[in-house]
Amino acid sequence: MDLNRFIDHTLLSASATSADIKKLCEEAVTHNFYAVCVNSSYTETAKAYLKGSQVKLAATVGFPLGAALAVSKIEEARKAVLEGADEIDMVINIGFLKDGKKAEVEEEITAIKNTIGNKVLKVIIETCYLSEKEIRLACEMALKAGADFVKTSTGFGSRGASLEDIRIMREVVGVRMKIKASGGIRDARTAMEYVELGVDRIGTSSGIKIVSENPERL
């Protein structure tokens, strides 16, 4: 199994520098990862470092809290795509979801998808803060809004992905939407468990470690 083609090689640290982004992109090209994932302020920088490669570029929107004004998130997504992002990883307004503001959450996702057009939209629902019922609702809204992926976590919450999260999410979206697992996936054995459950992408800062481990030894 070529785990490298499932990996979004990720650097979202507040202290990340241009030199760090360059290293991230070089690693992604060397290991043939599917994409790199960076904060939106580094979209243009990462795009330049990935020039001539097949590695996709994902930029975050509303990261990591999701609580910014919808208009700010829409503009952030628009600018990121203009600067070369192939994919947008947006965080939903978690508080609105928990308040029962279903229309507002769904409208925001729809607006961002409409803004980025045929670019890939991944919707981060931050499962660590949600009940099972809320996870199901968030998946339903992302699906209805036309998103391409539903994603477990930012990696900045109280926990990352869990296998149970993926089972719940898959029950809701079936094959109509892809799933990205992120947060806490740091070795090949764990990555393979998620892939076997049907995830289409893995967000991790441990991509090199994952692909360096020999799955046959596990």
C-alpha atoms as a PDB file:
ATOM      1  CA  MET A   1       0.000   0.000   0.000  1.00  0.00           C
ATOM      2  CA  ASP A   2       1.441   3.371  -1.009  1.00  0.00           C
ATOM      3  CA  LEU A   3       0.664   5.367   2.111  1.00  0.00           C
ATOM      4  CA  ASN A   4       2.475   8.405   0.721  1.00  0.00           C
ATOM      5  CA  ARG A   5      -0.402   9.039  -1.708  1.00  0.00           C
ATOM      6  CA  PHE A   6      -2.822   9.394   1.208  1.00  0.00           C
ATOM      7  CA  ILE A   7      -0.768  12.002   3.047  1.00  0.00           C
ATOM      8  CA  ASP A   8      -1.288  15.741   3.333  1.00  0.00           C
ATOM      9  CA  HIS A   9       2.139  16.746   4.688  1.00  0.00           C
ATOM     10  CA  THR A  10       1.189  19.373   7.240  1.00  0.00           C
ATOM     11  CA  LEU A  11       2.771  22.335   9.003  1.00  0.00           C
ATOM     12  CA  LEU A  12       0.345  24.641  10.792  1.00  0.00           C
ATOM     13  CA  SER A  13       2.454  25.841  13.709  1.00  0.00           C
ATOM     14  CA  ALA A  14       2.105  29.485  14.718  1.00  0.00           C
ATOM     15  CA  SER A  15       5.899  29.782  14.655  1.00  0.00           C
ATOM     16  CA  ALA A  16       6.397  28.302  11.163  1.00  0.00           C
ATOM     17  CA  THR A  17       8.797  30.358   9.041  1.00  0.00           C
ATOM     18  CA  SER A  18       9.351  30.582   5.296  1.00  0.00           C
ATOM     19  CA  ALA A  19      12.353  28.303   5.718  1.00  0.00           C
ATOM     20  CA  ASP A  20      10.126  25.742   7.445  1.00  0.00           C
ATOM     21  CA  ILE A  21       7.611  25.921   4.588  1.00  0.00           C
ATOM     22  CA  LYS A  22      10.393  25.407   2.053  1.00  0.00           C
ATOM     23  CA  LYS A  23      11.553  22.298   3.948  1.00  0.00           C
ATOM     24  CA  LEU A  24       7.983  20.987   4.137  1.00  0.00           C
ATOM     25  CA  CYS A  25       7.515  21.356   0.378  1.00  0.00           C
ATOM     26  CA  GLU A  26      10.860  19.774  -0.436  1.00  0.00           C
ATOM     27  CA  GLU A  27       9.987  16.801   1.770  1.00  0.00           C
ATOM     28  CA  ALA A  28       6.603  16.439   0.097  1.00  0.00           C
ATOM     29  CA  VAL A  29       8.188  16.396  -3.364  1.00  0.00           C
ATOM     30  CA  THR A  30      10.891  13.936  -2.289  1.00  0.00           C
ATOM     31  CA  HIS A  31       8.395  11.499  -0.766  1.00  0.00           C
ATOM     32  CA  ASN A  32       5.667  12.040  -3.388  1.00  0.00           C
ATOM     33  CA  PHE A  33       3.035  12.989  -0.834  1.00  0.00           C
ATOM     34  CA  TYR A  34      -0.373  13.868  -2.204  1.00  0.00           C
ATOM     35  CA  ALA A  35      -0.382  17.422  -0.838  1.00  0.00           C
ATOM     36  CA  VAL A  36       1.068  19.877   1.621  1.00  0.00           C
ATOM     37  CA  CYS A  37      -1.207  21.744   4.021  1.00  0.00           C
ATOM     38  CA  VAL A  38      -0.237  25.212   5.270  1.00  0.00           C
ATOM     39  CA  ASN A  39      -1.803  28.249   6.880  1.00  0.00           C
ATOM     40  CA  SER A  40      -3.274  30.559   4.245  1.00  0.00           C
ATOM     41  CA  SER A  41      -0.641  33.264   4.752  1.00  0.00           C
ATOM     42  CA  TYR A  42       1.914  30.846   3.287  1.00  0.00           C
ATOM     43  CA  THR A  43      -0.104  29.844   0.218  1.00  0.00           C
ATOM     44  CA  GLU A  44       1.925  31.890  -2.244  1.00  0.00           C
ATOM     45  CA  THR A  45       5.222  30.845  -0.639  1.00  0.00           C
ATOM     46  CA  ALA A  46       4.371  27.145  -0.739  1.00  0.00           C
ATOM     47  CA  LYS A  47       3.099  27.374  -4.316  1.00  0.00           C
ATOM     48  CA  ALA A  48       6.449  28.746  -5.428  1.00  0.00           C
ATOM     49  CA  TYR A  49       8.343  25.938  -3.705  1.00  0.00           C
ATOM     50  CA  LEU A  50       6.059  23.298  -5.254  1.00  0.00           C
ATOM     51  CA  LYS A  51       6.396  24.684  -8.782  1.00  0.00           C
ATOM     52  CA  GLY A  52       6.972  21.937 -11.335  1.00  0.00           C
ATOM     53  CA  SER A  53       5.872  19.138  -8.982  1.00  0.00           C
ATOM     54  CA  GLN A  54       2.685  17.080  -8.835  1.00  0.00           C
ATOM     55  CA  VAL A  55       2.153  17.803  -5.140  1.00  0.00           C
ATOM     56  CA  LYS A  56      -1.126  19.601  -4.432  1.00  0.00           C
ATOM     57  CA  LEU A  57      -1.401  22.614  -2.152  1.00  0.00           C
ATOM     58  CA  ALA A  58      -4.023  22.864   0.602  1.00  0.00           C
ATOM     59  CA  ALA A  59      -4.565  26.069   2.584  1.00  0.00           C
ATOM     60  CA  THR A  60      -6.507  26.396   5.825  1.00  0.00           C
ATOM     61  CA  VAL A  61      -9.404  28.802   6.331  1.00  0.00           C
ATOM     62  CA  GLY A  62     -10.776  29.964   9.687  1.00  0.00           C
ATOM     63  CA  PHE A  63      -8.060  27.934  11.336  1.00  0.00           C
ATOM     64  CA  PRO A  64      -7.968  26.622  14.012  1.00  0.00           C
ATOM     65  CA  LEU A  65     -11.083  27.856  15.851  1.00  0.00           C
ATOM     66  CA  GLY A  66     -13.593  28.341  13.026  1.00  0.00           C
ATOM     67  CA  ALA A  67     -15.161  31.242  14.910  1.00  0.00           C
ATOM     68  CA  ALA A  68     -14.269  34.098  12.532  1.00  0.00           C
ATOM     69  CA  LEU A  69     -16.953  36.004  10.652  1.00  0.00           C
ATOM     70  CA  ALA A  70     -18.224  34.102   7.619  1.00  0.00           C
ATOM     71  CA  VAL A  71     -17.287  37.006   5.345  1.00  0.00           C
ATOM     72  CA  SER A  72     -13.688  36.789   6.585  1.00  0.00           C
ATOM     73  CA  LYS A  73     -13.525  33.059   5.918  1.00  0.00           C
ATOM     74  CA  ILE A  74     -14.995  33.486   2.444  1.00  0.00           C
ATOM     75  CA  GLU A  75     -12.432  36.152   1.574  1.00  0.00           C
ATOM     76  CA  GLU A  76      -9.602  34.048   3.020  1.00  0.00           C
ATOM     77  CA  ALA A  77     -10.647  31.141   0.800  1.00  0.00           C
ATOM     78  CA  ARG A  78     -10.937  33.382  -2.264  1.00  0.00           C
ATOM     79  CA  LYS A  79      -7.463  34.845  -1.731  1.00  0.00           C
ATOM     80  CA  ALA A  80      -5.893  31.439  -1.087  1.00  0.00           C
ATOM     81  CA  VAL A  81      -7.235  30.073  -4.370  1.00  0.00           C
ATOM     82  CA  LEU A  82      -6.014  33.164  -6.232  1.00  0.00           C
ATOM     83  CA  GLU A  83      -2.558  32.534  -4.760  1.00  0.00           C
ATOM     84  CA  GLY A  84      -2.512  28.946  -5.967  1.00  0.00           C
ATOM     85  CA  ALA A  85      -4.292  26.700  -3.468  1.00  0.00           C
ATOM     86  CA  ASP A  86      -5.722  23.539  -5.019  1.00  0.00           C
ATOM     87  CA  GLU A  87      -7.658  22.679  -1.871  1.00  0.00           C
ATOM     88  CA  ILE A  88      -9.184  24.525   1.078  1.00  0.00           C
ATOM     89  CA  ASP A  89      -9.403  23.020   4.576  1.00  0.00           C
ATOM     90  CA  MET A  90     -12.001  25.133   6.401  1.00  0.00           C
ATOM     91  CA  VAL A  91     -13.084  24.931  10.034  1.00  0.00           C
ATOM     92  CA  ILE A  92     -16.814  25.172  10.666  1.00  0.00           C
ATOM     93  CA  ASN A  93     -18.202  27.502  13.319  1.00  0.00           C
ATOM     94  CA  ILE A  94     -18.364  24.892  16.054  1.00  0.00           C
ATOM     95  CA  GLY A  95     -20.221  27.123  18.513  1.00  0.00           C
ATOM     96  CA  PHE A  96     -22.914  27.836  15.926  1.00  0.00           C
ATOM     97  CA  LEU A  97     -23.340  24.111  15.335  1.00  0.00           C
ATOM     98  CA  LYS A  98     -23.725  23.480  19.056  1.00  0.00           C
ATOM     99  CA  ASP A  99     -26.183  26.400  19.273  1.00  0.00           C
ATOM    100  CA  GLY A 100     -28.360  24.718  16.665  1.00  0.00           C
ATOM    101  CA  LYS A 101     -27.649  27.392  14.046  1.00  0.00           C
ATOM    102  CA  LYS A 102     -27.798  24.846  11.260  1.00  0.00           C
ATOM    103  CA  ALA A 103     -28.688  27.328   8.506  1.00  0.00           C
ATOM    104  CA  GLU A 104     -25.758  29.617   9.316  1.00  0.00           C
ATOM    105  CA  VAL A 105     -23.220  26.771   9.333  1.00  0.00           C
ATOM    106  CA  GLU A 106     -24.528  25.261   6.116  1.00  0.00           C
ATOM    107  CA  GLU A 107     -24.709  28.629   4.357  1.00  0.00           C
ATOM    108  CA  GLU A 108     -21.089  29.359   5.252  1.00  0.00           C
ATOM    109  CA  ILE A 109     -19.893  26.051   3.804  1.00  0.00           C
ATOM    110  CA  THR A 110     -21.973  26.609   0.667  1.00  0.00           C
ATOM    111  CA  ALA A 111     -20.625  30.131   0.234  1.00  0.00           C
ATOM    112  CA  ILE A 112     -17.012  29.006   0.520  1.00  0.00           C
ATOM    113  CA  LYS A 113     -17.575  26.156  -1.935  1.00  0.00           C
ATOM    114  CA  ASN A 114     -19.208  28.555  -4.380  1.00  0.00           C
ATOM    115  CA  THR A 115     -16.280  30.940  -3.968  1.00  0.00           C
ATOM    116  CA  ILE A 116     -13.601  28.358  -4.735  1.00  0.00           C
ATOM    117  CA  GLY A 117     -15.488  26.668  -7.579  1.00  0.00           C
ATOM    118  CA  ASN A 118     -13.914  23.433  -8.746  1.00  0.00           C
ATOM    119  CA  LYS A 119     -11.189  23.492  -6.100  1.00  0.00           C
ATOM    120  CA  VAL A 120     -11.466  20.841  -3.391  1.00  0.00           C
ATOM    121  CA  LEU A 121     -13.200  21.830  -0.141  1.00  0.00           C
ATOM    122  CA  LYS A 122     -12.524  19.898   3.061  1.00  0.00           C
ATOM    123  CA  VAL A 123     -14.767  20.721   6.017  1.00  0.00           C
ATOM    124  CA  ILE A 124     -13.142  20.337   9.435  1.00  0.00           C
ATOM    125  CA  ILE A 125     -15.777  19.545  12.052  1.00  0.00           C
ATOM    126  CA  GLU A 126     -13.461  19.106  15.100  1.00  0.00           C
ATOM    127  CA  THR A 127     -14.970  15.867  16.367  1.00  0.00           C
ATOM    128  CA  CYS A 128     -13.382  16.146  19.833  1.00  0.00           C
ATOM    129  CA  TYR A 129     -15.935  18.812  20.749  1.00  0.00           C
ATOM    130  CA  LEU A 130     -18.982  17.078  19.271  1.00  0.00           C
ATOM    131  CA  SER A 131     -21.399  14.401  20.397  1.00  0.00           C
ATOM    132  CA  GLU A 132     -22.153  11.554  18.008  1.00  0.00           C
ATOM    133  CA  LYS A 133     -25.395  13.290  17.052  1.00  0.00           C
ATOM    134  CA  GLU A 134     -23.502  16.512  16.306  1.00  0.00           C
ATOM    135  CA  ILE A 135     -20.889  14.655  14.230  1.00  0.00           C
ATOM    136  CA  ARG A 136     -23.678  13.173  12.148  1.00  0.00           C
ATOM    137  CA  LEU A 137     -25.337  16.566  11.753  1.00  0.00           C
ATOM    138  CA  ALA A 138     -22.076  18.237  10.728  1.00  0.00           C
ATOM    139  CA  CYS A 139     -21.464  15.562   8.103  1.00  0.00           C
ATOM    140  CA  GLU A 140     -24.988  15.946   6.754  1.00  0.00           C
ATOM    141  CA  MET A 141     -24.540  19.720   6.444  1.00  0.00           C
ATOM    142  CA  ALA A 142     -21.176  19.422   4.699  1.00  0.00           C
ATOM    143  CA  LEU A 143     -22.659  16.927   2.276  1.00  0.00           C
ATOM    144  CA  LYS A 144     -25.709  19.076   1.567  1.00  0.00           C
ATOM    145  CA  ALA A 145     -23.520  22.169   1.094  1.00  0.00           C
ATOM    146  CA  GLY A 146     -21.552  20.479  -1.674  1.00  0.00           C
ATOM    147  CA  ALA A 147     -18.209  20.003   0.074  1.00  0.00           C
ATOM    148  CA  ASP A 148     -15.810  17.373  -1.240  1.00  0.00           C
ATOM    149  CA  PHE A 149     -14.440  16.076   2.076  1.00  0.00           C
ATOM    150  CA  VAL A 150     -15.411  16.008   5.703  1.00  0.00           C
ATOM    151  CA  LYS A 151     -12.378  16.118   7.994  1.00  0.00           C
ATOM    152  CA  THR A 152     -12.099  15.077  11.623  1.00  0.00           C
ATOM    153  CA  SER A 153      -9.846  17.598  13.305  1.00  0.00           C
ATOM    154  CA  THR A 154      -7.518  20.577  13.275  1.00  0.00           C
ATOM    155  CA  GLY A 155      -4.950  18.838  15.445  1.00  0.00           C
ATOM    156  CA  PHE A 156      -5.290  21.761  17.873  1.00  0.00           C
ATOM    157  CA  GLY A 157      -8.321  20.477  19.796  1.00  0.00           C
ATOM    158  CA  SER A 158      -8.457  18.299  22.900  1.00  0.00           C
ATOM    159  CA  ARG A 159      -7.789  15.216  20.761  1.00  0.00           C
ATOM    160  CA  GLY A 160      -7.308  14.280  17.143  1.00  0.00           C
ATOM    161  CA  ALA A 161      -9.049  11.682  15.016  1.00  0.00           C
ATOM    162  CA  SER A 162     -10.400   8.380  16.293  1.00  0.00           C
ATOM    163  CA  LEU A 163     -11.430   5.246  14.455  1.00  0.00           C
ATOM    164  CA  GLU A 164     -14.917   5.631  15.927  1.00  0.00           C
ATOM    165  CA  ASP A 165     -15.154   9.124  14.418  1.00  0.00           C
ATOM    166  CA  ILE A 166     -14.465   7.638  11.005  1.00  0.00           C
ATOM    167  CA  ARG A 167     -17.066   4.893  11.424  1.00  0.00           C
ATOM    168  CA  ILE A 168     -19.716   7.474  12.303  1.00  0.00           C
ATOM    169  CA  MET A 169     -18.720   9.792   9.470  1.00  0.00           C
ATOM    170  CA  ARG A 170     -18.711   6.989   6.904  1.00  0.00           C
ATOM    171  CA  GLU A 171     -22.176   5.869   7.994  1.00  0.00           C
ATOM    172  CA  VAL A 172     -23.462   9.351   7.150  1.00  0.00           C
ATOM    173  CA  VAL A 173     -21.611  10.194   3.947  1.00  0.00           C
ATOM    174  CA  GLY A 174     -21.200   6.719   2.443  1.00  0.00           C
ATOM    175  CA  VAL A 175     -19.402   7.071  -0.875  1.00  0.00           C
ATOM    176  CA  ARG A 176     -20.935  10.473  -1.606  1.00  0.00           C
ATOM    177  CA  MET A 177     -18.138  12.349   0.122  1.00  0.00           C
ATOM    178  CA  LYS A 178     -14.507  11.679   0.959  1.00  0.00           C
ATOM    179  CA  ILE A 179     -13.080  11.631   4.473  1.00  0.00           C
ATOM    180  CA  LYS A 180      -9.837  13.074   5.811  1.00  0.00           C
ATOM    181  CA  ALA A 181      -8.509  11.916   9.172  1.00  0.00           C
ATOM    182  CA  SER A 182      -6.115  14.232  10.964  1.00  0.00           C
ATOM    183  CA  GLY A 183      -4.650  14.711  14.402  1.00  0.00           C
ATOM    184  CA  GLY A 184      -2.589  12.139  16.265  1.00  0.00           C
ATOM    185  CA  ILE A 185      -1.721   9.871  13.314  1.00  0.00           C
ATOM    186  CA  ARG A 186       2.015   9.382  13.731  1.00  0.00           C
ATOM    187  CA  ASP A 187       2.970   5.874  12.581  1.00  0.00           C
ATOM    188  CA  ALA A 188       2.359   3.495   9.698  1.00  0.00           C
ATOM    189  CA  ARG A 189       0.269   1.027  11.700  1.00  0.00           C
ATOM    190  CA  THR A 190      -2.198   3.725  12.732  1.00  0.00           C
ATOM    191  CA  ALA A 191      -2.277   5.234   9.245  1.00  0.00           C
ATOM    192  CA  MET A 192      -3.087   1.840   7.744  1.00  0.00           C
ATOM    193  CA  GLU A 193      -5.958   1.338  10.193  1.00  0.00           C
ATOM    194  CA  TYR A 194      -7.531   4.555   8.971  1.00  0.00           C
ATOM    195  CA  VAL A 195      -6.998   3.703   5.312  1.00  0.00           C
ATOM    196  CA  GLU A 196      -8.570   0.281   5.862  1.00  0.00           C
ATOM    197  CA  LEU A 197     -11.628   2.040   7.314  1.00  0.00           C
ATOM    198  CA  GLY A 198     -11.924   3.970   4.081  1.00  0.00           C
ATOM    199  CA  VAL A 199     -10.340   7.381   4.652  1.00  0.00           C
ATOM    200  CA  ASP A 200      -9.156   9.058   1.484  1.00  0.00           C
ATOM    201  CA  ARG A 201      -6.595  11.387   3.018  1.00  0.00           C
ATOM    202  CA  ILE A 202      -4.500  11.603   6.185  1.00  0.00           C
ATOM    203  CA  GLY A 203      -3.350  14.927   7.595  1.00  0.00           C
ATOM    204  CA  THR A 204      -0.133  14.552   9.549  1.00  0.00           C
ATOM    205  CA  SER A 205       3.175  16.180  10.359  1.00  0.00           C
ATOM    206  CA  SER A 206       4.671  12.682  10.708  1.00  0.00           C
ATOM    207  CA  GLY A 207       4.466  11.718   7.043  1.00  0.00           C
ATOM    208  CA  ILE A 208       8.149  10.931   6.659  1.00  0.00           C
ATOM    209  CA  LYS A 209       8.111   8.634   9.695  1.00  0.00           C
ATOM    210  CA  ILE A 210       4.982   6.907   8.391  1.00  0.00           C
ATOM    211  CA  VAL A 211       6.357   6.165   4.925  1.00  0.00           C
ATOM    212  CA  SER A 212       9.779   5.223   6.324  1.00  0.00           C
ATOM    213  CA  GLU A 213       8.319   2.407   8.412  1.00  0.00           C
ATOM    214  CA  ASN A 214       8.021  -0.924   6.668  1.00  0.00           C
ATOM    215  CA  PRO A 215       4.332  -1.996   6.821  1.00  0.00           C
ATOM    216  CA  GLU A 216       5.340  -5.653   6.326  1.00  0.00           C
ATOM    217  CA  ARG A 217       7.177  -5.549   9.669  1.00  0.00           C
ATOM    218  CA  LEU A 218       4.008  -4.379  11.380  1.00  0.00           C
END
